[in-house]
Amino acid sequence: MDAKLTLKLDKEVIKDLKQYAKAQGTSVSRLLETYAKKLIDKKENLAEGPLPLWLQEIREIREKYPPVTATDEELQADYNAYRDRKYGG
């Protein structure tokens, strides 16, 4: 059973949220409802605040791709080789 809820958000956040929801083919209400269900299902500590979505995505990326362990010299050599290929140096 659906019920109404009034929220106060920054105007820019609302604007961006509406654009995002439209791009996803859903409504802001359904988008927020889905997000709220995920928060509840994960039983995140709301006192500390849930991790923002972008931070969760970074965590997932870091888990999927290990950090680069190359030395500064190796990274510089890679960059020099790239630059030489690009500019014919």
N, C-alpha and C. Protein backbone atom coordinates (compact mmCIF):
# COMPACT_ATOMS: atom_id res chain seq x y z
N MET A 1 0.84 -1.17 0.00
CA MET A 1 0.00 0.00 0.00
C MET A 1 0.89 1.24 0.00
N ASP A 2 0.71 2.10 -0.96
CA ASP A 2 1.50 3.31 -1.06
C ASP A 2 0.98 4.38 -0.12
N ALA A 3 1.90 5.20 0.38
CA ALA A 3 1.56 6.34 1.22
C ALA A 3 2.44 7.49 0.80
N LYS A 4 2.03 8.72 1.12
CA LYS A 4 2.79 9.90 0.75
C LYS A 4 3.81 10.25 1.81
N LEU A 5 4.91 10.84 1.35
CA LEU A 5 5.97 11.31 2.23
C LEU A 5 6.49 12.61 1.66
N THR A 6 6.64 13.62 2.49
CA THR A 6 7.18 14.90 2.05
C THR A 6 8.63 15.00 2.50
N LEU A 7 9.50 15.35 1.56
CA LEU A 7 10.92 15.49 1.85
C LEU A 7 11.37 16.90 1.52
N LYS A 8 12.35 17.39 2.27
CA LYS A 8 12.98 18.66 1.96
C LYS A 8 14.38 18.37 1.47
N LEU A 9 14.66 18.75 0.23
CA LEU A 9 15.98 18.54 -0.36
C LEU A 9 16.42 19.82 -1.06
N ASP A 10 17.72 19.92 -1.27
CA ASP A 10 18.27 21.04 -2.01
C ASP A 10 17.69 21.05 -3.43
N LYS A 11 17.41 22.24 -3.96
CA LYS A 11 16.80 22.35 -5.29
C LYS A 11 17.63 21.68 -6.37
N GLU A 12 18.95 21.83 -6.30
CA GLU A 12 19.81 21.21 -7.30
C GLU A 12 19.77 19.69 -7.20
N VAL A 13 19.69 19.18 -5.99
CA VAL A 13 19.60 17.73 -5.79
C VAL A 13 18.29 17.22 -6.41
N ILE A 14 17.22 17.94 -6.18
CA ILE A 14 15.93 17.54 -6.75
C ILE A 14 15.99 17.54 -8.26
N LYS A 15 16.56 18.59 -8.83
CA LYS A 15 16.69 18.70 -10.29
C LYS A 15 17.49 17.52 -10.84
N ASP A 16 18.64 17.26 -10.23
CA ASP A 16 19.49 16.16 -10.68
C ASP A 16 18.81 14.81 -10.49
N LEU A 17 18.11 14.66 -9.39
CA LEU A 17 17.41 13.41 -9.10
C LEU A 17 16.31 13.15 -10.13
N LYS A 18 15.58 14.19 -10.51
CA LYS A 18 14.54 14.04 -11.53
C LYS A 18 15.14 13.65 -12.87
N GLN A 19 16.25 14.28 -13.23
CA GLN A 19 16.91 13.94 -14.49
C GLN A 19 17.40 12.49 -14.47
N TYR A 20 17.98 12.09 -13.35
CA TYR A 20 18.49 10.73 -13.23
C TYR A 20 17.35 9.71 -13.32
N ALA A 21 16.27 9.98 -12.61
CA ALA A 21 15.13 9.07 -12.63
C ALA A 21 14.56 8.95 -14.04
N LYS A 22 14.46 10.08 -14.73
CA LYS A 22 13.93 10.06 -16.10
C LYS A 22 14.83 9.22 -17.00
N ALA A 23 16.13 9.40 -16.86
CA ALA A 23 17.08 8.64 -17.68
C ALA A 23 16.99 7.14 -17.39
N GLN A 24 16.61 6.79 -16.16
CA GLN A 24 16.48 5.39 -15.77
C GLN A 24 15.10 4.82 -16.11
N GLY A 25 14.21 5.69 -16.58
CA GLY A 25 12.87 5.23 -16.94
C GLY A 25 12.00 4.93 -15.73
N THR A 26 12.19 5.68 -14.67
CA THR A 26 11.41 5.46 -13.45
C THR A 26 11.05 6.81 -12.85
N SER A 27 10.36 6.78 -11.75
CA SER A 27 10.00 8.02 -11.05
C SER A 27 10.95 8.23 -9.87
N VAL A 28 10.98 9.45 -9.39
CA VAL A 28 11.79 9.75 -8.22
C VAL A 28 11.30 8.92 -7.04
N SER A 29 10.00 8.79 -6.91
CA SER A 29 9.44 8.01 -5.80
C SER A 29 9.93 6.56 -5.83
N ARG A 30 9.86 5.93 -6.99
CA ARG A 30 10.29 4.53 -7.10
C ARG A 30 11.80 4.41 -6.90
N LEU A 31 12.54 5.39 -7.40
CA LEU A 31 13.98 5.39 -7.24
C LEU A 31 14.36 5.44 -5.76
N LEU A 32 13.74 6.36 -5.03
CA LEU A 32 14.01 6.49 -3.60
C LEU A 32 13.51 5.28 -2.82
N GLU A 33 12.39 4.73 -3.24
CA GLU A 33 11.86 3.54 -2.57
C GLU A 33 12.83 2.37 -2.74
N THR A 34 13.35 2.19 -3.94
CA THR A 34 14.30 1.11 -4.20
C THR A 34 15.56 1.31 -3.36
N TYR A 35 16.06 2.54 -3.31
CA TYR A 35 17.26 2.83 -2.53
C TYR A 35 17.00 2.57 -1.04
N ALA A 36 15.83 3.00 -0.55
CA ALA A 36 15.49 2.79 0.86
C ALA A 36 15.42 1.30 1.18
N LYS A 37 14.85 0.51 0.29
CA LYS A 37 14.78 -0.94 0.52
C LYS A 37 16.16 -1.56 0.60
N LYS A 38 17.08 -1.07 -0.27
CA LYS A 38 18.45 -1.58 -0.23
C LYS A 38 19.11 -1.23 1.10
N LEU A 39 18.88 -0.03 1.58
CA LEU A 39 19.44 0.37 2.87
C LEU A 39 18.92 -0.51 4.00
N ILE A 40 17.64 -0.76 3.98
CA ILE A 40 17.00 -1.57 5.02
C ILE A 40 17.50 -3.01 4.94
N ASP A 41 17.58 -3.55 3.72
CA ASP A 41 18.03 -4.93 3.54
C ASP A 41 19.47 -5.12 4.00
N LYS A 42 20.32 -4.11 3.78
CA LYS A 42 21.72 -4.21 4.18
C LYS A 42 21.89 -3.94 5.66
N LYS A 43 20.84 -3.40 6.29
CA LYS A 43 20.86 -3.08 7.71
C LYS A 43 22.09 -2.21 8.04
N GLU A 44 22.29 -1.21 7.20
CA GLU A 44 23.41 -0.31 7.43
C GLU A 44 23.15 0.53 8.67
N ASN A 45 24.20 0.95 9.30
CA ASN A 45 24.10 1.77 10.49
C ASN A 45 23.70 3.19 10.09
N LEU A 46 22.44 3.51 10.22
CA LEU A 46 21.95 4.81 9.79
C LEU A 46 22.39 5.93 10.72
N ALA A 47 22.82 5.59 11.95
CA ALA A 47 23.32 6.63 12.85
C ALA A 47 24.58 7.25 12.27
N GLU A 48 25.41 6.44 11.65
CA GLU A 48 26.62 6.95 11.01
C GLU A 48 26.31 7.45 9.61
N GLY A 49 25.18 7.08 9.09
CA GLY A 49 24.81 7.45 7.74
C GLY A 49 25.30 6.39 6.75
N PRO A 50 24.46 6.08 5.77
CA PRO A 50 24.88 5.08 4.78
C PRO A 50 25.96 5.68 3.88
N LEU A 51 26.74 4.80 3.29
CA LEU A 51 27.73 5.27 2.34
C LEU A 51 27.02 5.82 1.11
N PRO A 52 27.47 6.95 0.62
CA PRO A 52 26.88 7.46 -0.62
C PRO A 52 27.11 6.45 -1.74
N LEU A 53 26.23 6.46 -2.72
CA LEU A 53 26.30 5.50 -3.81
C LEU A 53 27.64 5.56 -4.53
N TRP A 54 28.15 6.76 -4.76
CA TRP A 54 29.43 6.88 -5.47
C TRP A 54 30.56 6.24 -4.67
N LEU A 55 30.48 6.32 -3.35
CA LEU A 55 31.51 5.73 -2.52
C LEU A 55 31.39 4.20 -2.51
N GLN A 56 30.16 3.71 -2.54
CA GLN A 56 29.95 2.26 -2.64
C GLN A 56 30.51 1.74 -3.95
N GLU A 57 30.30 2.52 -5.04
CA GLU A 57 30.81 2.11 -6.35
C GLU A 57 32.33 2.07 -6.35
N ILE A 58 32.96 3.05 -5.71
CA ILE A 58 34.42 3.05 -5.62
C ILE A 58 34.90 1.83 -4.86
N ARG A 59 34.22 1.49 -3.78
CA ARG A 59 34.60 0.31 -3.01
C ARG A 59 34.52 -0.95 -3.87
N GLU A 60 33.45 -1.06 -4.65
CA GLU A 60 33.28 -2.23 -5.51
C GLU A 60 34.36 -2.28 -6.59
N ILE A 61 34.71 -1.13 -7.15
CA ILE A 61 35.76 -1.08 -8.18
C ILE A 61 37.10 -1.48 -7.58
N ARG A 62 37.39 -0.96 -6.39
CA ARG A 62 38.67 -1.28 -5.75
C ARG A 62 38.76 -2.77 -5.43
N GLU A 63 37.63 -3.39 -5.08
CA GLU A 63 37.64 -4.82 -4.81
C GLU A 63 37.85 -5.62 -6.10
N LYS A 64 37.27 -5.12 -7.19
CA LYS A 64 37.36 -5.83 -8.47
C LYS A 64 38.74 -5.69 -9.11
N TYR A 65 39.32 -4.49 -8.99
CA TYR A 65 40.61 -4.22 -9.61
C TYR A 65 41.63 -3.88 -8.53
N PRO A 66 42.63 -4.70 -8.37
CA PRO A 66 43.63 -4.42 -7.34
C PRO A 66 44.41 -3.15 -7.67
N PRO A 67 44.97 -2.50 -6.66
CA PRO A 67 45.72 -1.27 -6.91
C PRO A 67 46.98 -1.54 -7.73
N VAL A 68 47.40 -0.53 -8.46
CA VAL A 68 48.62 -0.63 -9.26
C VAL A 68 49.80 -0.63 -8.30
N THR A 69 50.70 -1.58 -8.50
CA THR A 69 51.85 -1.68 -7.61
C THR A 69 53.15 -1.32 -8.32
N ALA A 70 53.03 -0.64 -9.47
CA ALA A 70 54.22 -0.24 -10.22
C ALA A 70 54.97 0.87 -9.47
N THR A 71 56.26 0.89 -9.70
CA THR A 71 57.07 1.95 -9.09
C THR A 71 56.91 3.24 -9.88
N ASP A 72 57.35 4.34 -9.32
CA ASP A 72 57.29 5.62 -10.02
C ASP A 72 58.08 5.56 -11.33
N GLU A 73 59.21 4.88 -11.30
CA GLU A 73 60.04 4.78 -12.50
C GLU A 73 59.31 4.00 -13.60
N GLU A 74 58.63 2.92 -13.22
CA GLU A 74 57.88 2.13 -14.20
C GLU A 74 56.73 2.95 -14.78
N LEU A 75 56.03 3.67 -13.92
CA LEU A 75 54.94 4.51 -14.40
C LEU A 75 55.45 5.60 -15.33
N GLN A 76 56.58 6.22 -15.00
CA GLN A 76 57.16 7.26 -15.85
C GLN A 76 57.59 6.67 -17.19
N ALA A 77 58.17 5.47 -17.17
CA ALA A 77 58.59 4.82 -18.42
C ALA A 77 57.37 4.51 -19.29
N ASP A 78 56.29 4.04 -18.69
CA ASP A 78 55.06 3.78 -19.44
C ASP A 78 54.52 5.06 -20.06
N TYR A 79 54.52 6.14 -19.28
CA TYR A 79 54.03 7.42 -19.80
C TYR A 79 54.92 7.91 -20.95
N ASN A 80 56.23 7.80 -20.78
CA ASN A 80 57.15 8.23 -21.84
C ASN A 80 56.91 7.44 -23.13
N ALA A 81 56.72 6.13 -22.99
CA ALA A 81 56.46 5.29 -24.16
C ALA A 81 55.15 5.69 -24.83
N TYR A 82 54.11 5.95 -24.03
CA TYR A 82 52.83 6.39 -24.56
C TYR A 82 53.00 7.72 -25.31
N ARG A 83 53.68 8.66 -24.68
CA ARG A 83 53.88 9.98 -25.29
C ARG A 83 54.65 9.86 -26.59
N ASP A 84 55.68 9.00 -26.62
CA ASP A 84 56.46 8.79 -27.84
C ASP A 84 55.60 8.20 -28.96
N ARG A 85 54.73 7.25 -28.60
CA ARG A 85 53.84 6.67 -29.61
C ARG A 85 52.86 7.70 -30.13
N LYS A 86 52.33 8.51 -29.22
CA LYS A 86 51.32 9.49 -29.62
C LYS A 86 51.90 10.62 -30.46
N TYR A 87 53.04 11.12 -30.06
CA TYR A 87 53.60 12.29 -30.72
C TYR A 87 54.79 11.96 -31.62
N GLY A 88 55.09 10.68 -31.73
CA GLY A 88 56.16 10.25 -32.63
C GLY A 88 57.55 10.71 -32.21
N GLY A 89 57.76 10.78 -30.89
CA GLY A 89 59.02 11.29 -30.37
C GLY A 89 60.06 10.28 -30.34
